[in-house]
Amino acid sequence: MNPLHKAIDLSKKGLQFGGPFGAVVMRGDEIVGEGFNLVTARHDPTAHAEIVAIRQACRRLKTHSLAGCVLYTSCEPCPMCLAAIMWAKLDKVYYAVTREDAAAAGFADAEIYQQLALSPEARQLELIQALEPERIAAKTVLDMWTAKTEKCLY
């Protein structure tokens, strides 16, 4: 089956579990991860189809990098999923409907895209940096990481 058609079929399952979205991760001709939206079923706002598929693929392949893999999704990825796709280092994404189509169906990704385009000071979500003692303590941990000779960068 065409992987984009498979993602669309999975999106039908998502209708009853959290939203009309489905996704498939392919490595070559093999499906290594798949998912549909489970946001309301799992009470998890991060359980988008793409995230579910990425998590499954990473577990199956025992890796945090999906370089060499391609994602097929029923809808253009939201900002969270797009970031996860980039963190996972997927090679490419094919999608069916656009974020404008999703907005017309009631999904508010446009507002998030607009907020991300603003400077941090202009965003609705207030980000507050910790006081100096906490900043120093957290920076010490980063310095410890930097000094490690054996580490897996991602």
N, C-alpha and C. Protein backbone atom coordinates (compact mmCIF):
# COMPACT_ATOMS: atom_id res chain seq x y z
N MET A 1 0.85 -1.19 0.00
CA MET A 1 0.00 0.00 0.00
C MET A 1 0.89 1.24 0.00
N ASN A 2 0.49 2.23 -0.72
CA ASN A 2 1.16 3.53 -0.74
C ASN A 2 1.22 4.07 0.69
N PRO A 3 2.41 4.50 1.18
CA PRO A 3 2.51 4.95 2.57
C PRO A 3 1.63 6.16 2.91
N LEU A 4 1.40 7.04 1.95
CA LEU A 4 0.53 8.18 2.23
C LEU A 4 -0.92 7.70 2.37
N HIS A 5 -1.31 6.71 1.58
CA HIS A 5 -2.65 6.13 1.73
C HIS A 5 -2.78 5.44 3.09
N LYS A 6 -1.71 4.78 3.54
CA LYS A 6 -1.71 4.14 4.86
C LYS A 6 -1.89 5.20 5.95
N ALA A 7 -1.18 6.34 5.83
CA ALA A 7 -1.33 7.42 6.80
C ALA A 7 -2.77 7.94 6.83
N ILE A 8 -3.37 8.07 5.67
CA ILE A 8 -4.75 8.54 5.59
C ILE A 8 -5.69 7.51 6.21
N ASP A 9 -5.44 6.21 5.97
CA ASP A 9 -6.25 5.16 6.63
C ASP A 9 -6.11 5.26 8.15
N LEU A 10 -4.89 5.48 8.63
CA LEU A 10 -4.67 5.63 10.06
C LEU A 10 -5.40 6.85 10.61
N SER A 11 -5.49 7.90 9.80
CA SER A 11 -6.18 9.11 10.26
C SER A 11 -7.66 8.82 10.56
N LYS A 12 -8.23 7.85 9.86
CA LYS A 12 -9.62 7.46 10.14
C LYS A 12 -9.73 6.85 11.54
N LYS A 13 -8.72 6.09 11.96
CA LYS A 13 -8.72 5.54 13.33
C LYS A 13 -8.62 6.68 14.34
N GLY A 14 -7.86 7.70 14.00
CA GLY A 14 -7.69 8.83 14.89
C GLY A 14 -8.99 9.57 15.20
N LEU A 15 -9.97 9.43 14.32
CA LEU A 15 -11.26 10.10 14.53
C LEU A 15 -11.86 9.75 15.89
N GLN A 16 -11.68 8.51 16.33
CA GLN A 16 -12.30 8.08 17.58
C GLN A 16 -11.37 8.22 18.79
N PHE A 17 -10.11 8.58 18.57
CA PHE A 17 -9.15 8.60 19.67
C PHE A 17 -8.52 9.97 19.94
N GLY A 18 -8.78 10.99 19.12
CA GLY A 18 -8.16 12.26 19.43
C GLY A 18 -8.09 13.25 18.30
N GLY A 19 -8.25 12.83 17.09
CA GLY A 19 -8.21 13.76 15.97
C GLY A 19 -7.96 13.04 14.66
N PRO A 20 -8.31 13.66 13.55
CA PRO A 20 -8.28 12.99 12.24
C PRO A 20 -6.90 13.01 11.57
N PHE A 21 -5.91 12.45 12.25
CA PHE A 21 -4.55 12.50 11.72
C PHE A 21 -3.88 11.14 11.82
N GLY A 22 -3.07 10.81 10.81
CA GLY A 22 -2.32 9.56 10.79
C GLY A 22 -0.95 9.78 10.19
N ALA A 23 0.01 8.93 10.57
CA ALA A 23 1.38 9.09 10.08
C ALA A 23 2.09 7.74 10.01
N VAL A 24 3.03 7.65 9.09
CA VAL A 24 3.83 6.44 8.88
C VAL A 24 5.28 6.85 8.69
N VAL A 25 6.20 6.14 9.36
CA VAL A 25 7.63 6.32 9.14
C VAL A 25 8.12 5.13 8.34
N MET A 26 8.79 5.43 7.23
CA MET A 26 9.31 4.38 6.34
C MET A 26 10.83 4.42 6.33
N ARG A 27 11.44 3.25 6.35
CA ARG A 27 12.87 3.12 6.06
C ARG A 27 12.94 2.21 4.86
N GLY A 28 13.26 2.81 3.72
CA GLY A 28 13.19 2.06 2.47
C GLY A 28 11.75 1.70 2.19
N ASP A 29 11.49 0.41 1.98
CA ASP A 29 10.14 -0.08 1.70
C ASP A 29 9.43 -0.61 2.95
N GLU A 30 10.05 -0.43 4.11
CA GLU A 30 9.52 -1.00 5.35
C GLU A 30 8.91 0.07 6.24
N ILE A 31 7.71 -0.21 6.74
CA ILE A 31 7.11 0.65 7.76
C ILE A 31 7.78 0.32 9.08
N VAL A 32 8.42 1.33 9.69
CA VAL A 32 9.09 1.12 10.97
C VAL A 32 8.36 1.81 12.12
N GLY A 33 7.38 2.66 11.78
CA GLY A 33 6.57 3.31 12.80
C GLY A 33 5.29 3.83 12.18
N GLU A 34 4.25 3.76 12.95
CA GLU A 34 2.98 4.31 12.49
C GLU A 34 2.19 4.79 13.69
N GLY A 35 1.27 5.70 13.43
CA GLY A 35 0.46 6.20 14.52
C GLY A 35 -0.71 7.01 14.03
N PHE A 36 -1.64 7.18 14.94
CA PHE A 36 -2.75 8.09 14.70
C PHE A 36 -2.91 8.93 15.95
N ASN A 37 -3.67 9.99 15.85
CA ASN A 37 -3.80 10.95 16.93
C ASN A 37 -4.44 10.29 18.15
N LEU A 38 -3.78 10.42 19.30
CA LEU A 38 -4.25 9.85 20.56
C LEU A 38 -4.35 10.90 21.67
N VAL A 39 -4.47 12.16 21.28
CA VAL A 39 -4.44 13.25 22.25
C VAL A 39 -5.47 13.08 23.35
N THR A 40 -6.72 12.91 22.99
CA THR A 40 -7.76 12.82 24.03
C THR A 40 -7.80 11.44 24.68
N ALA A 41 -7.49 10.40 23.94
CA ALA A 41 -7.51 9.05 24.50
C ALA A 41 -6.44 8.88 25.58
N ARG A 42 -5.28 9.51 25.39
CA ARG A 42 -4.18 9.39 26.35
C ARG A 42 -4.07 10.60 27.28
N HIS A 43 -4.96 11.57 27.10
CA HIS A 43 -4.86 12.81 27.88
C HIS A 43 -3.44 13.37 27.76
N ASP A 44 -2.97 13.43 26.52
CA ASP A 44 -1.59 13.82 26.23
C ASP A 44 -1.58 14.74 25.02
N PRO A 45 -1.37 16.04 25.22
CA PRO A 45 -1.39 16.97 24.10
C PRO A 45 -0.24 16.74 23.10
N THR A 46 0.74 15.91 23.47
CA THR A 46 1.84 15.62 22.54
C THR A 46 1.61 14.35 21.73
N ALA A 47 0.51 13.66 21.94
CA ALA A 47 0.27 12.38 21.27
C ALA A 47 -0.32 12.57 19.87
N HIS A 48 0.32 13.44 19.09
CA HIS A 48 -0.06 13.63 17.69
C HIS A 48 0.40 12.42 16.90
N ALA A 49 -0.22 12.18 15.76
CA ALA A 49 0.09 11.01 14.94
C ALA A 49 1.58 10.93 14.60
N GLU A 50 2.17 12.06 14.23
CA GLU A 50 3.59 12.07 13.85
C GLU A 50 4.48 11.69 15.03
N ILE A 51 4.16 12.22 16.21
CA ILE A 51 4.95 11.93 17.41
C ILE A 51 4.82 10.45 17.77
N VAL A 52 3.60 9.92 17.71
CA VAL A 52 3.37 8.50 18.00
C VAL A 52 4.18 7.63 17.03
N ALA A 53 4.15 7.98 15.76
CA ALA A 53 4.90 7.20 14.75
C ALA A 53 6.41 7.31 14.95
N ILE A 54 6.89 8.51 15.27
CA ILE A 54 8.32 8.70 15.51
C ILE A 54 8.77 7.90 16.72
N ARG A 55 8.00 7.94 17.80
CA ARG A 55 8.35 7.19 19.01
C ARG A 55 8.40 5.69 18.72
N GLN A 56 7.42 5.21 17.98
CA GLN A 56 7.39 3.78 17.65
C GLN A 56 8.59 3.39 16.79
N ALA A 57 8.91 4.21 15.79
CA ALA A 57 10.04 3.92 14.91
C ALA A 57 11.35 3.92 15.69
N CYS A 58 11.54 4.88 16.56
CA CYS A 58 12.77 4.94 17.36
C CYS A 58 12.90 3.74 18.28
N ARG A 59 11.80 3.34 18.92
CA ARG A 59 11.84 2.14 19.77
C ARG A 59 12.17 0.91 18.94
N ARG A 60 11.50 0.77 17.81
CA ARG A 60 11.69 -0.41 16.96
C ARG A 60 13.13 -0.49 16.44
N LEU A 61 13.68 0.66 16.02
CA LEU A 61 15.02 0.68 15.46
C LEU A 61 16.11 0.85 16.52
N LYS A 62 15.67 1.06 17.78
CA LYS A 62 16.60 1.26 18.89
C LYS A 62 17.60 2.39 18.61
N THR A 63 17.05 3.54 18.23
CA THR A 63 17.86 4.70 17.92
C THR A 63 17.08 5.97 18.22
N HIS A 64 17.78 7.07 18.37
CA HIS A 64 17.12 8.37 18.53
C HIS A 64 17.17 9.15 17.23
N SER A 65 17.85 8.61 16.22
CA SER A 65 17.96 9.29 14.92
C SER A 65 17.25 8.49 13.84
N LEU A 66 16.36 9.15 13.14
CA LEU A 66 15.66 8.49 12.04
C LEU A 66 16.21 8.96 10.69
N ALA A 67 17.49 9.35 10.67
CA ALA A 67 18.14 9.68 9.41
C ALA A 67 18.03 8.45 8.51
N GLY A 68 17.71 8.68 7.25
CA GLY A 68 17.49 7.58 6.32
C GLY A 68 16.04 7.15 6.24
N CYS A 69 15.18 7.80 7.02
CA CYS A 69 13.76 7.48 7.03
C CYS A 69 12.95 8.65 6.48
N VAL A 70 11.73 8.34 6.05
CA VAL A 70 10.81 9.33 5.49
C VAL A 70 9.48 9.23 6.24
N LEU A 71 8.88 10.38 6.52
CA LEU A 71 7.59 10.43 7.19
C LEU A 71 6.50 10.74 6.17
N TYR A 72 5.41 10.00 6.24
CA TYR A 72 4.21 10.26 5.45
C TYR A 72 3.11 10.58 6.44
N THR A 73 2.44 11.70 6.25
CA THR A 73 1.42 12.12 7.20
C THR A 73 0.20 12.68 6.48
N SER A 74 -0.94 12.49 7.10
CA SER A 74 -2.18 12.91 6.46
C SER A 74 -2.33 14.43 6.41
N CYS A 75 -1.56 15.14 7.24
CA CYS A 75 -1.69 16.60 7.31
C CYS A 75 -0.31 17.24 7.47
N GLU A 76 -0.16 18.42 6.94
CA GLU A 76 1.08 19.18 7.14
C GLU A 76 1.35 19.26 8.65
N PRO A 77 2.56 18.96 9.08
CA PRO A 77 2.84 18.90 10.52
C PRO A 77 2.67 20.24 11.22
N CYS A 78 2.15 20.17 12.44
CA CYS A 78 2.05 21.35 13.30
C CYS A 78 3.46 21.73 13.77
N PRO A 79 3.62 22.88 14.42
CA PRO A 79 4.96 23.28 14.87
C PRO A 79 5.64 22.27 15.79
N MET A 80 4.89 21.67 16.71
CA MET A 80 5.49 20.68 17.61
C MET A 80 6.00 19.48 16.83
N CYS A 81 5.18 18.97 15.92
CA CYS A 81 5.56 17.81 15.13
C CYS A 81 6.71 18.14 14.19
N LEU A 82 6.67 19.32 13.62
CA LEU A 82 7.76 19.75 12.74
C LEU A 82 9.08 19.77 13.51
N ALA A 83 9.06 20.29 14.73
CA ALA A 83 10.28 20.30 15.55
C ALA A 83 10.73 18.88 15.85
N ALA A 84 9.79 17.99 16.20
CA ALA A 84 10.15 16.60 16.49
C ALA A 84 10.74 15.91 15.26
N ILE A 85 10.16 16.19 14.10
CA ILE A 85 10.67 15.64 12.84
C ILE A 85 12.11 16.09 12.62
N MET A 86 12.37 17.35 12.89
CA MET A 86 13.72 17.87 12.72
C MET A 86 14.67 17.29 13.76
N TRP A 87 14.23 17.16 15.02
CA TRP A 87 15.06 16.53 16.05
C TRP A 87 15.36 15.08 15.69
N ALA A 88 14.39 14.38 15.12
CA ALA A 88 14.57 12.98 14.75
C ALA A 88 15.41 12.81 13.50
N LYS A 89 15.67 13.90 12.80
CA LYS A 89 16.51 13.91 11.60
C LYS A 89 15.93 13.09 10.44
N LEU A 90 14.61 13.09 10.35
CA LEU A 90 13.97 12.43 9.20
C LEU A 90 14.42 13.13 7.92
N ASP A 91 14.56 12.36 6.85
CA ASP A 91 15.06 12.91 5.59
C ASP A 91 14.06 13.79 4.86
N LYS A 92 12.78 13.43 4.97
CA LYS A 92 11.77 14.07 4.12
C LYS A 92 10.40 13.82 4.72
N VAL A 93 9.44 14.70 4.39
CA VAL A 93 8.06 14.55 4.83
C VAL A 93 7.14 14.72 3.62
N TYR A 94 6.23 13.77 3.45
CA TYR A 94 5.15 13.91 2.47
C TYR A 94 3.86 14.06 3.25
N TYR A 95 3.01 15.02 2.84
CA TYR A 95 1.75 15.22 3.55
C TYR A 95 0.62 15.42 2.55
N ALA A 96 -0.62 15.21 3.03
CA ALA A 96 -1.80 15.32 2.16
C ALA A 96 -2.43 16.71 2.29
N VAL A 97 -3.16 16.97 3.37
CA VAL A 97 -3.82 18.27 3.51
C VAL A 97 -2.89 19.28 4.17
N THR A 98 -3.22 20.56 4.02
CA THR A 98 -2.37 21.64 4.51
C THR A 98 -2.77 22.09 5.92
N ARG A 99 -1.93 22.92 6.52
CA ARG A 99 -2.26 23.49 7.82
C ARG A 99 -3.47 24.40 7.72
N GLU A 100 -3.69 25.00 6.55
CA GLU A 100 -4.89 25.82 6.34
C GLU A 100 -6.15 24.94 6.35
N ASP A 101 -6.04 23.74 5.77
CA ASP A 101 -7.15 22.79 5.83
C ASP A 101 -7.44 22.40 7.28
N ALA A 102 -6.37 22.16 8.05
CA ALA A 102 -6.53 21.81 9.47
C ALA A 102 -7.18 22.97 10.24
N ALA A 103 -6.76 24.19 9.95
CA ALA A 103 -7.35 25.37 10.61
C ALA A 103 -8.84 25.47 10.31
N ALA A 104 -9.22 25.20 9.06
CA ALA A 104 -10.63 25.25 8.68
C ALA A 104 -11.45 24.19 9.42
N ALA A 105 -10.77 23.11 9.87
CA ALA A 105 -11.45 22.05 10.62
C ALA A 105 -11.41 22.31 12.12
N GLY A 106 -10.82 23.45 12.52
CA GLY A 106 -10.84 23.83 13.93
C GLY A 106 -9.54 23.63 14.69
N PHE A 107 -8.47 23.27 14.02
CA PHE A 107 -7.18 23.08 14.68
C PHE A 107 -6.38 24.37 14.61
N ALA A 108 -5.89 24.84 15.76
CA ALA A 108 -5.35 26.19 15.90
C ALA A 108 -3.83 26.28 15.72
N ASP A 109 -3.29 25.59 14.76
CA ASP A 109 -1.84 25.65 14.54
C ASP A 109 -1.39 27.02 14.09
N ALA A 110 -2.23 27.75 13.37
CA ALA A 110 -1.85 29.06 12.84
C ALA A 110 -1.43 30.00 13.96
N GLU A 111 -2.12 29.96 15.07
CA GLU A 111 -1.78 30.83 16.20
C GLU A 111 -0.38 30.50 16.73
N ILE A 112 -0.05 29.22 16.78
CA ILE A 112 1.29 28.83 17.26
C ILE A 112 2.35 29.28 16.28
N TYR A 113 2.12 29.08 14.99
CA TYR A 113 3.07 29.56 13.99
C TYR A 113 3.28 31.08 14.13
N GLN A 114 2.19 31.81 14.36
CA GLN A 114 2.30 33.27 14.52
C GLN A 114 3.10 33.63 15.75
N GLN A 115 2.86 32.94 16.85
CA GLN A 115 3.59 33.21 18.09
C GLN A 115 5.09 32.92 17.93
N LEU A 116 5.42 31.84 17.25
CA LEU A 116 6.83 31.49 17.06
C LEU A 116 7.57 32.52 16.22
N ALA A 117 6.85 33.22 15.36
CA ALA A 117 7.48 34.24 14.51
C ALA A 117 7.82 35.51 15.29
N LEU A 118 7.22 35.66 16.47
CA LEU A 118 7.47 36.85 17.29
C LEU A 118 8.73 36.70 18.13
N SER A 119 9.27 37.80 18.58
CA SER A 119 10.40 37.74 19.52
C SER A 119 9.87 37.16 20.83
N PRO A 120 10.72 36.51 21.61
CA PRO A 120 10.24 35.92 22.87
C PRO A 120 9.50 36.91 23.77
N GLU A 121 9.93 38.17 23.77
CA GLU A 121 9.28 39.17 24.63
C GLU A 121 7.87 39.50 24.15
N ALA A 122 7.58 39.31 22.89
CA ALA A 122 6.28 39.68 22.33
C ALA A 122 5.26 38.53 22.36
N ARG A 123 5.68 37.34 22.73
CA ARG A 123 4.77 36.18 22.73
C ARG A 123 3.80 36.22 23.90
N GLN A 124 2.67 35.54 23.71
CA GLN A 124 1.66 35.46 24.77
C GLN A 124 2.18 34.68 25.97
N LEU A 125 2.93 33.62 25.72
CA LEU A 125 3.47 32.80 26.80
C LEU A 125 4.69 33.49 27.39
N GLU A 126 4.61 33.80 28.67
CA GLU A 126 5.71 34.48 29.32
C GLU A 126 6.79 33.47 29.71
N LEU A 127 8.01 33.71 29.28
CA LEU A 127 9.16 32.89 29.64
C LEU A 127 10.01 33.68 30.63
N ILE A 128 10.26 33.08 31.79
CA ILE A 128 10.96 33.78 32.85
C ILE A 128 12.21 32.99 33.21
N GLN A 129 13.37 33.61 33.03
CA GLN A 129 14.61 32.94 33.40
C GLN A 129 14.76 32.94 34.91
N ALA A 130 15.29 31.82 35.42
CA ALA A 130 15.49 31.66 36.85
C ALA A 130 16.48 32.68 37.39
N LEU A 131 16.50 32.81 38.70
CA LEU A 131 17.44 33.71 39.35
C LEU A 131 18.87 33.16 39.23
N GLU A 132 19.83 33.98 39.56
CA GLU A 132 21.24 33.64 39.36
C GLU A 132 21.67 32.32 40.02
N PRO A 133 21.29 32.02 41.26
CA PRO A 133 21.74 30.74 41.84
C PRO A 133 21.29 29.52 41.03
N GLU A 134 20.05 29.55 40.56
CA GLU A 134 19.55 28.43 39.76
C GLU A 134 20.23 28.40 38.39
N ARG A 135 20.46 29.57 37.81
CA ARG A 135 21.15 29.62 36.52
C ARG A 135 22.55 29.05 36.64
N ILE A 136 23.24 29.40 37.70
CA ILE A 136 24.59 28.88 37.92
C ILE A 136 24.57 27.37 38.14
N ALA A 137 23.62 26.88 38.92
CA ALA A 137 23.52 25.44 39.17
C ALA A 137 23.24 24.68 37.88
N ALA A 138 22.33 25.19 37.08
CA ALA A 138 22.01 24.53 35.81
C ALA A 138 23.18 24.61 34.84
N LYS A 139 23.88 25.74 34.82
CA LYS A 139 25.04 25.91 33.95
C LYS A 139 26.15 24.94 34.35
N THR A 140 26.28 24.67 35.64
CA THR A 140 27.28 23.71 36.12
C THR A 140 27.01 22.33 35.53
N VAL A 141 25.75 21.94 35.47
CA VAL A 141 25.39 20.64 34.88
C VAL A 141 25.73 20.63 33.39
N LEU A 142 25.45 21.72 32.68
CA LEU A 142 25.83 21.80 31.26
C LEU A 142 27.34 21.70 31.09
N ASP A 143 28.08 22.34 31.98
CA ASP A 143 29.54 22.26 31.92
C ASP A 143 30.02 20.83 32.17
N MET A 144 29.36 20.13 33.08
CA MET A 144 29.71 18.72 33.33
C MET A 144 29.48 17.89 32.06
N TRP A 145 28.38 18.17 31.37
CA TRP A 145 28.08 17.47 30.11
C TRP A 145 29.17 17.77 29.08
N THR A 146 29.52 19.03 28.96
CA THR A 146 30.54 19.45 28.00
C THR A 146 31.87 18.74 28.28
N ALA A 147 32.19 18.54 29.53
CA ALA A 147 33.47 17.92 29.91
C ALA A 147 33.48 16.41 29.71
N LYS A 148 32.31 15.79 29.61
CA LYS A 148 32.27 14.33 29.41
C LYS A 148 32.96 13.96 28.11
N THR A 149 33.77 12.93 28.16
CA THR A 149 34.45 12.48 26.94
C THR A 149 33.62 11.45 26.19
N GLU A 150 32.82 10.69 26.91
CA GLU A 150 31.96 9.69 26.27
C GLU A 150 30.52 10.12 26.39
N LYS A 151 29.96 10.58 25.30
CA LYS A 151 28.57 11.01 25.29
C LYS A 151 28.03 10.84 23.88
N CYS A 152 26.74 10.72 23.82
CA CYS A 152 26.06 10.57 22.53
C CYS A 152 25.36 11.89 22.22
N LEU A 153 25.90 12.62 21.27
CA LEU A 153 25.28 13.87 20.89
C LEU A 153 24.05 13.62 20.02
N TYR A 154 23.12 14.49 20.10
CA TYR A 154 21.92 14.41 19.28
C TYR A 154 21.50 15.74 18.94
